[in-house]
Amino acid sequence: MSGMSRSDINRAADRARGRVDGLANRARGIVDDASTAGSHAISRIEEAGKQAWDISQKYGTHAQHVAGEVSARSSRGLRATSRQVRSEPFISILVAAAIGYFLAAVLHRR
């Protein structure tokens, strides 16, 4: 340190402070950029979540309607079949036997 004057030390300190300030500014910029990117990502995730919710509500309602329709139609079919079996039990047994024989023949060939 004997070869350095006070002004040399002050200049070196000023340069060091300048570099530290430059690095601090760059770090602030990087943090700001990361914060902005994070905010954009969160916004996009929230929007995707809202869209997924809307779609699930739409298709959930539609599925509920379709399930109700299937249930109603199958109930009507079951009632009609029950009436037919009660009115013609012998023919119903013959039809059931023919269907069973047909299915057995098809499955046996595989």
N, C-alpha and C. Protein backbone atom coordinates (compact mmCIF):
# COMPACT_ATOMS: atom_id res chain seq x y z
N MET A 1 0.80 -1.16 0.00
CA MET A 1 0.00 0.00 0.00
C MET A 1 0.87 1.26 0.00
N SER A 2 2.13 1.06 0.16
CA SER A 2 3.03 2.20 0.22
C SER A 2 3.13 2.90 -1.12
N GLY A 3 2.87 2.16 -2.26
CA GLY A 3 2.97 2.77 -3.57
C GLY A 3 1.70 3.46 -4.01
N MET A 4 0.63 3.35 -3.26
CA MET A 4 -0.64 3.94 -3.66
C MET A 4 -0.90 5.19 -2.83
N SER A 5 -1.35 6.21 -3.51
CA SER A 5 -1.69 7.44 -2.81
C SER A 5 -3.16 7.40 -2.39
N ARG A 6 -3.54 8.34 -1.62
CA ARG A 6 -4.92 8.42 -1.15
C ARG A 6 -5.86 8.60 -2.33
N SER A 7 -5.50 9.36 -3.33
CA SER A 7 -6.35 9.59 -4.49
C SER A 7 -6.49 8.29 -5.30
N ASP A 8 -5.41 7.49 -5.38
CA ASP A 8 -5.49 6.21 -6.06
C ASP A 8 -6.49 5.29 -5.35
N ILE A 9 -6.45 5.30 -4.05
CA ILE A 9 -7.36 4.46 -3.25
C ILE A 9 -8.79 4.94 -3.45
N ASN A 10 -8.98 6.26 -3.46
CA ASN A 10 -10.33 6.80 -3.66
C ASN A 10 -10.86 6.46 -5.05
N ARG A 11 -10.00 6.55 -6.07
CA ARG A 11 -10.42 6.19 -7.43
C ARG A 11 -10.79 4.71 -7.50
N ALA A 12 -9.98 3.85 -6.88
CA ALA A 12 -10.27 2.42 -6.88
C ALA A 12 -11.58 2.14 -6.14
N ALA A 13 -11.81 2.85 -5.05
CA ALA A 13 -13.06 2.68 -4.30
C ALA A 13 -14.24 3.16 -5.13
N ASP A 14 -14.07 4.27 -5.84
CA ASP A 14 -15.15 4.77 -6.70
C ASP A 14 -15.45 3.77 -7.81
N ARG A 15 -14.42 3.19 -8.43
CA ARG A 15 -14.64 2.18 -9.48
C ARG A 15 -15.34 0.95 -8.91
N ALA A 16 -14.95 0.53 -7.72
CA ALA A 16 -15.58 -0.63 -7.09
C ALA A 16 -17.05 -0.34 -6.79
N ARG A 17 -17.32 0.89 -6.25
CA ARG A 17 -18.71 1.28 -6.00
C ARG A 17 -19.51 1.30 -7.30
N GLY A 18 -18.92 1.79 -8.37
CA GLY A 18 -19.59 1.84 -9.67
C GLY A 18 -19.93 0.43 -10.16
N ARG A 19 -18.97 -0.48 -9.99
CA ARG A 19 -19.22 -1.86 -10.41
C ARG A 19 -20.30 -2.50 -9.54
N VAL A 20 -20.25 -2.24 -8.25
CA VAL A 20 -21.26 -2.79 -7.35
C VAL A 20 -22.63 -2.23 -7.72
N ASP A 21 -22.69 -0.92 -7.97
CA ASP A 21 -23.96 -0.30 -8.37
C ASP A 21 -24.46 -0.90 -9.69
N GLY A 22 -23.55 -1.11 -10.64
CA GLY A 22 -23.94 -1.72 -11.93
C GLY A 22 -24.48 -3.13 -11.73
N LEU A 23 -23.78 -3.90 -10.90
CA LEU A 23 -24.26 -5.26 -10.62
C LEU A 23 -25.60 -5.25 -9.91
N ALA A 24 -25.78 -4.30 -8.99
CA ALA A 24 -27.05 -4.19 -8.26
C ALA A 24 -28.17 -3.83 -9.24
N ASN A 25 -27.91 -2.92 -10.16
CA ASN A 25 -28.92 -2.55 -11.16
C ASN A 25 -29.27 -3.73 -12.06
N ARG A 26 -28.26 -4.48 -12.46
CA ARG A 26 -28.52 -5.66 -13.29
C ARG A 26 -29.33 -6.69 -12.51
N ALA A 27 -29.00 -6.87 -11.25
CA ALA A 27 -29.74 -7.83 -10.41
C ALA A 27 -31.19 -7.37 -10.25
N ARG A 28 -31.42 -6.07 -10.05
CA ARG A 28 -32.78 -5.56 -9.96
C ARG A 28 -33.55 -5.82 -11.25
N GLY A 29 -32.88 -5.60 -12.38
CA GLY A 29 -33.52 -5.86 -13.67
C GLY A 29 -33.89 -7.32 -13.84
N ILE A 30 -33.00 -8.20 -13.42
CA ILE A 30 -33.27 -9.64 -13.52
C ILE A 30 -34.44 -10.02 -12.61
N VAL A 31 -34.46 -9.47 -11.40
CA VAL A 31 -35.56 -9.76 -10.47
C VAL A 31 -36.87 -9.22 -11.03
N ASP A 32 -36.84 -8.01 -11.60
CA ASP A 32 -38.06 -7.44 -12.19
C ASP A 32 -38.55 -8.29 -13.35
N ASP A 33 -37.62 -8.74 -14.21
CA ASP A 33 -38.00 -9.60 -15.34
C ASP A 33 -38.61 -10.91 -14.84
N ALA A 34 -37.99 -11.50 -13.82
CA ALA A 34 -38.52 -12.76 -13.27
C ALA A 34 -39.89 -12.55 -12.64
N SER A 35 -40.07 -11.42 -11.97
CA SER A 35 -41.36 -11.12 -11.37
C SER A 35 -42.43 -10.94 -12.44
N THR A 36 -42.09 -10.25 -13.52
CA THR A 36 -43.04 -10.05 -14.62
C THR A 36 -43.40 -11.38 -15.26
N ALA A 37 -42.40 -12.21 -15.51
CA ALA A 37 -42.65 -13.52 -16.11
C ALA A 37 -43.52 -14.37 -15.17
N GLY A 38 -43.27 -14.31 -13.88
CA GLY A 38 -44.08 -15.05 -12.92
C GLY A 38 -45.52 -14.57 -12.91
N SER A 39 -45.70 -13.25 -12.98
CA SER A 39 -47.06 -12.70 -13.02
C SER A 39 -47.81 -13.16 -14.26
N HIS A 40 -47.11 -13.15 -15.40
CA HIS A 40 -47.74 -13.61 -16.64
C HIS A 40 -48.09 -15.10 -16.55
N ALA A 41 -47.20 -15.89 -15.98
CA ALA A 41 -47.46 -17.33 -15.85
C ALA A 41 -48.67 -17.56 -14.94
N ILE A 42 -48.75 -16.83 -13.84
CA ILE A 42 -49.88 -16.98 -12.93
C ILE A 42 -51.18 -16.59 -13.61
N SER A 43 -51.15 -15.50 -14.39
CA SER A 43 -52.35 -15.08 -15.12
C SER A 43 -52.80 -16.14 -16.10
N ARG A 44 -51.85 -16.72 -16.82
CA ARG A 44 -52.19 -17.76 -17.79
C ARG A 44 -52.74 -19.00 -17.10
N ILE A 45 -52.16 -19.37 -15.97
CA ILE A 45 -52.63 -20.54 -15.23
C ILE A 45 -54.05 -20.29 -14.71
N GLU A 46 -54.30 -19.08 -14.20
CA GLU A 46 -55.65 -18.76 -13.72
C GLU A 46 -56.65 -18.81 -14.86
N GLU A 47 -56.27 -18.28 -16.02
CA GLU A 47 -57.18 -18.30 -17.17
C GLU A 47 -57.45 -19.73 -17.62
N ALA A 48 -56.40 -20.57 -17.66
CA ALA A 48 -56.59 -21.97 -18.04
C ALA A 48 -57.50 -22.68 -17.04
N GLY A 49 -57.34 -22.37 -15.76
CA GLY A 49 -58.21 -22.96 -14.74
C GLY A 49 -59.66 -22.56 -14.93
N LYS A 50 -59.88 -21.27 -15.24
CA LYS A 50 -61.26 -20.80 -15.48
C LYS A 50 -61.86 -21.49 -16.70
N GLN A 51 -61.06 -21.63 -17.76
CA GLN A 51 -61.55 -22.31 -18.96
C GLN A 51 -61.87 -23.77 -18.67
N ALA A 52 -61.00 -24.43 -17.91
CA ALA A 52 -61.25 -25.84 -17.56
C ALA A 52 -62.53 -25.96 -16.73
N TRP A 53 -62.75 -25.03 -15.81
CA TRP A 53 -63.96 -25.05 -15.00
C TRP A 53 -65.19 -24.87 -15.88
N ASP A 54 -65.14 -23.89 -16.79
CA ASP A 54 -66.28 -23.65 -17.68
C ASP A 54 -66.59 -24.88 -18.53
N ILE A 55 -65.54 -25.50 -19.07
CA ILE A 55 -65.73 -26.70 -19.90
C ILE A 55 -66.33 -27.83 -19.07
N SER A 56 -65.80 -28.02 -17.86
CA SER A 56 -66.32 -29.11 -17.03
C SER A 56 -67.78 -28.86 -16.66
N GLN A 57 -68.13 -27.62 -16.41
CA GLN A 57 -69.53 -27.30 -16.10
C GLN A 57 -70.43 -27.58 -17.31
N LYS A 58 -69.96 -27.17 -18.48
CA LYS A 58 -70.74 -27.36 -19.70
C LYS A 58 -70.95 -28.85 -19.97
N TYR A 59 -69.87 -29.61 -19.97
CA TYR A 59 -69.99 -31.03 -20.28
C TYR A 59 -70.60 -31.82 -19.14
N GLY A 60 -70.43 -31.36 -17.91
CA GLY A 60 -71.06 -32.03 -16.78
C GLY A 60 -72.57 -31.92 -16.87
N THR A 61 -73.05 -30.74 -17.22
CA THR A 61 -74.49 -30.54 -17.38
C THR A 61 -75.02 -31.37 -18.53
N HIS A 62 -74.26 -31.38 -19.63
CA HIS A 62 -74.66 -32.18 -20.79
C HIS A 62 -74.68 -33.67 -20.45
N ALA A 63 -73.66 -34.14 -19.75
CA ALA A 63 -73.59 -35.56 -19.37
C ALA A 63 -74.75 -35.92 -18.44
N GLN A 64 -75.08 -35.02 -17.54
CA GLN A 64 -76.20 -35.27 -16.63
C GLN A 64 -77.50 -35.38 -17.42
N HIS A 65 -77.67 -34.52 -18.40
CA HIS A 65 -78.88 -34.56 -19.24
C HIS A 65 -78.93 -35.87 -20.03
N VAL A 66 -77.79 -36.27 -20.62
CA VAL A 66 -77.75 -37.51 -21.41
C VAL A 66 -78.02 -38.72 -20.51
N ALA A 67 -77.43 -38.72 -19.31
CA ALA A 67 -77.66 -39.84 -18.39
C ALA A 67 -79.14 -39.94 -18.00
N GLY A 68 -79.77 -38.81 -17.78
CA GLY A 68 -81.20 -38.82 -17.47
C GLY A 68 -82.03 -39.35 -18.62
N GLU A 69 -81.66 -38.95 -19.83
CA GLU A 69 -82.37 -39.42 -21.02
C GLU A 69 -82.19 -40.93 -21.21
N VAL A 70 -80.96 -41.42 -21.03
CA VAL A 70 -80.71 -42.86 -21.16
C VAL A 70 -81.49 -43.63 -20.09
N SER A 71 -81.50 -43.11 -18.89
CA SER A 71 -82.23 -43.77 -17.82
C SER A 71 -83.73 -43.85 -18.14
N ALA A 72 -84.28 -42.74 -18.62
CA ALA A 72 -85.72 -42.72 -18.95
C ALA A 72 -86.04 -43.70 -20.07
N ARG A 73 -85.21 -43.71 -21.10
CA ARG A 73 -85.46 -44.61 -22.24
C ARG A 73 -85.30 -46.07 -21.84
N SER A 74 -84.27 -46.36 -21.03
CA SER A 74 -84.09 -47.76 -20.61
C SER A 74 -85.24 -48.21 -19.70
N SER A 75 -85.75 -47.30 -18.87
CA SER A 75 -86.91 -47.64 -18.03
C SER A 75 -88.12 -47.95 -18.89
N ARG A 76 -88.35 -47.14 -19.93
CA ARG A 76 -89.48 -47.41 -20.82
C ARG A 76 -89.30 -48.75 -21.53
N GLY A 77 -88.09 -49.02 -21.97
CA GLY A 77 -87.82 -50.30 -22.63
C GLY A 77 -88.02 -51.48 -21.70
N LEU A 78 -87.57 -51.32 -20.47
CA LEU A 78 -87.73 -52.39 -19.48
C LEU A 78 -89.21 -52.63 -19.17
N ARG A 79 -89.98 -51.56 -19.04
CA ARG A 79 -91.42 -51.72 -18.79
C ARG A 79 -92.10 -52.42 -19.98
N ALA A 80 -91.73 -52.01 -21.19
CA ALA A 80 -92.34 -52.63 -22.38
C ALA A 80 -91.97 -54.11 -22.46
N THR A 81 -90.73 -54.43 -22.16
CA THR A 81 -90.30 -55.84 -22.20
C THR A 81 -91.01 -56.63 -21.11
N SER A 82 -91.14 -56.04 -19.93
CA SER A 82 -91.84 -56.73 -18.83
C SER A 82 -93.29 -57.02 -19.20
N ARG A 83 -93.96 -56.03 -19.80
CA ARG A 83 -95.34 -56.26 -20.23
C ARG A 83 -95.43 -57.38 -21.25
N GLN A 84 -94.47 -57.39 -22.20
CA GLN A 84 -94.47 -58.42 -23.25
C GLN A 84 -94.24 -59.80 -22.64
N VAL A 85 -93.33 -59.90 -21.69
CA VAL A 85 -93.03 -61.19 -21.06
C VAL A 85 -94.25 -61.67 -20.26
N ARG A 86 -94.92 -60.76 -19.54
CA ARG A 86 -96.10 -61.15 -18.78
C ARG A 86 -97.25 -61.60 -19.69
N SER A 87 -97.38 -60.93 -20.85
CA SER A 87 -98.49 -61.29 -21.72
C SER A 87 -98.21 -62.54 -22.56
N GLU A 88 -96.97 -62.76 -22.91
CA GLU A 88 -96.60 -63.92 -23.74
C GLU A 88 -95.37 -64.63 -23.15
N PRO A 89 -95.48 -65.32 -22.02
CA PRO A 89 -94.31 -65.92 -21.37
C PRO A 89 -93.66 -67.02 -22.21
N PHE A 90 -94.44 -67.84 -22.90
CA PHE A 90 -93.86 -68.94 -23.67
C PHE A 90 -93.04 -68.40 -24.84
N ILE A 91 -93.59 -67.43 -25.57
CA ILE A 91 -92.84 -66.83 -26.70
C ILE A 91 -91.59 -66.14 -26.18
N SER A 92 -91.67 -65.49 -25.04
CA SER A 92 -90.51 -64.80 -24.45
C SER A 92 -89.40 -65.80 -24.13
N ILE A 93 -89.78 -66.96 -23.61
CA ILE A 93 -88.78 -68.00 -23.31
C ILE A 93 -88.13 -68.49 -24.59
N LEU A 94 -88.94 -68.70 -25.64
CA LEU A 94 -88.38 -69.13 -26.93
C LEU A 94 -87.43 -68.09 -27.51
N VAL A 95 -87.80 -66.82 -27.44
CA VAL A 95 -86.94 -65.75 -27.95
C VAL A 95 -85.64 -65.69 -27.15
N ALA A 96 -85.73 -65.78 -25.83
CA ALA A 96 -84.53 -65.75 -24.99
C ALA A 96 -83.63 -66.94 -25.30
N ALA A 97 -84.22 -68.11 -25.52
CA ALA A 97 -83.43 -69.30 -25.84
C ALA A 97 -82.74 -69.12 -27.20
N ALA A 98 -83.45 -68.55 -28.18
CA ALA A 98 -82.86 -68.34 -29.50
C ALA A 98 -81.70 -67.34 -29.42
N ILE A 99 -81.88 -66.28 -28.65
CA ILE A 99 -80.80 -65.30 -28.48
C ILE A 99 -79.60 -65.95 -27.79
N GLY A 100 -79.85 -66.72 -26.75
CA GLY A 100 -78.76 -67.40 -26.05
C GLY A 100 -78.03 -68.37 -26.95
N TYR A 101 -78.77 -69.14 -27.77
CA TYR A 101 -78.15 -70.09 -28.69
C TYR A 101 -77.29 -69.34 -29.71
N PHE A 102 -77.81 -68.23 -30.25
CA PHE A 102 -77.07 -67.43 -31.22
C PHE A 102 -75.78 -66.89 -30.62
N LEU A 103 -75.85 -66.33 -29.41
CA LEU A 103 -74.66 -65.80 -28.76
C LEU A 103 -73.64 -66.89 -28.47
N ALA A 104 -74.12 -68.06 -28.05
CA ALA A 104 -73.20 -69.17 -27.77
C ALA A 104 -72.50 -69.60 -29.05
N ALA A 105 -73.23 -69.66 -30.14
CA ALA A 105 -72.64 -70.07 -31.43
C ALA A 105 -71.59 -69.04 -31.88
N VAL A 106 -71.90 -67.75 -31.73
CA VAL A 106 -70.96 -66.72 -32.15
C VAL A 106 -69.70 -66.76 -31.28
N LEU A 107 -69.86 -66.88 -29.98
CA LEU A 107 -68.71 -66.90 -29.07
C LEU A 107 -67.90 -68.18 -29.24
N HIS A 108 -68.54 -69.29 -29.55
CA HIS A 108 -67.82 -70.56 -29.70
C HIS A 108 -66.93 -70.54 -30.95
N ARG A 109 -67.32 -69.82 -31.97
CA ARG A 109 -66.52 -69.75 -33.22
C ARG A 109 -65.27 -68.92 -33.04
N ARG A 110 -65.21 -68.10 -32.07
CA ARG A 110 -64.03 -67.23 -31.88
C ARG A 110 -62.97 -68.00 -31.26
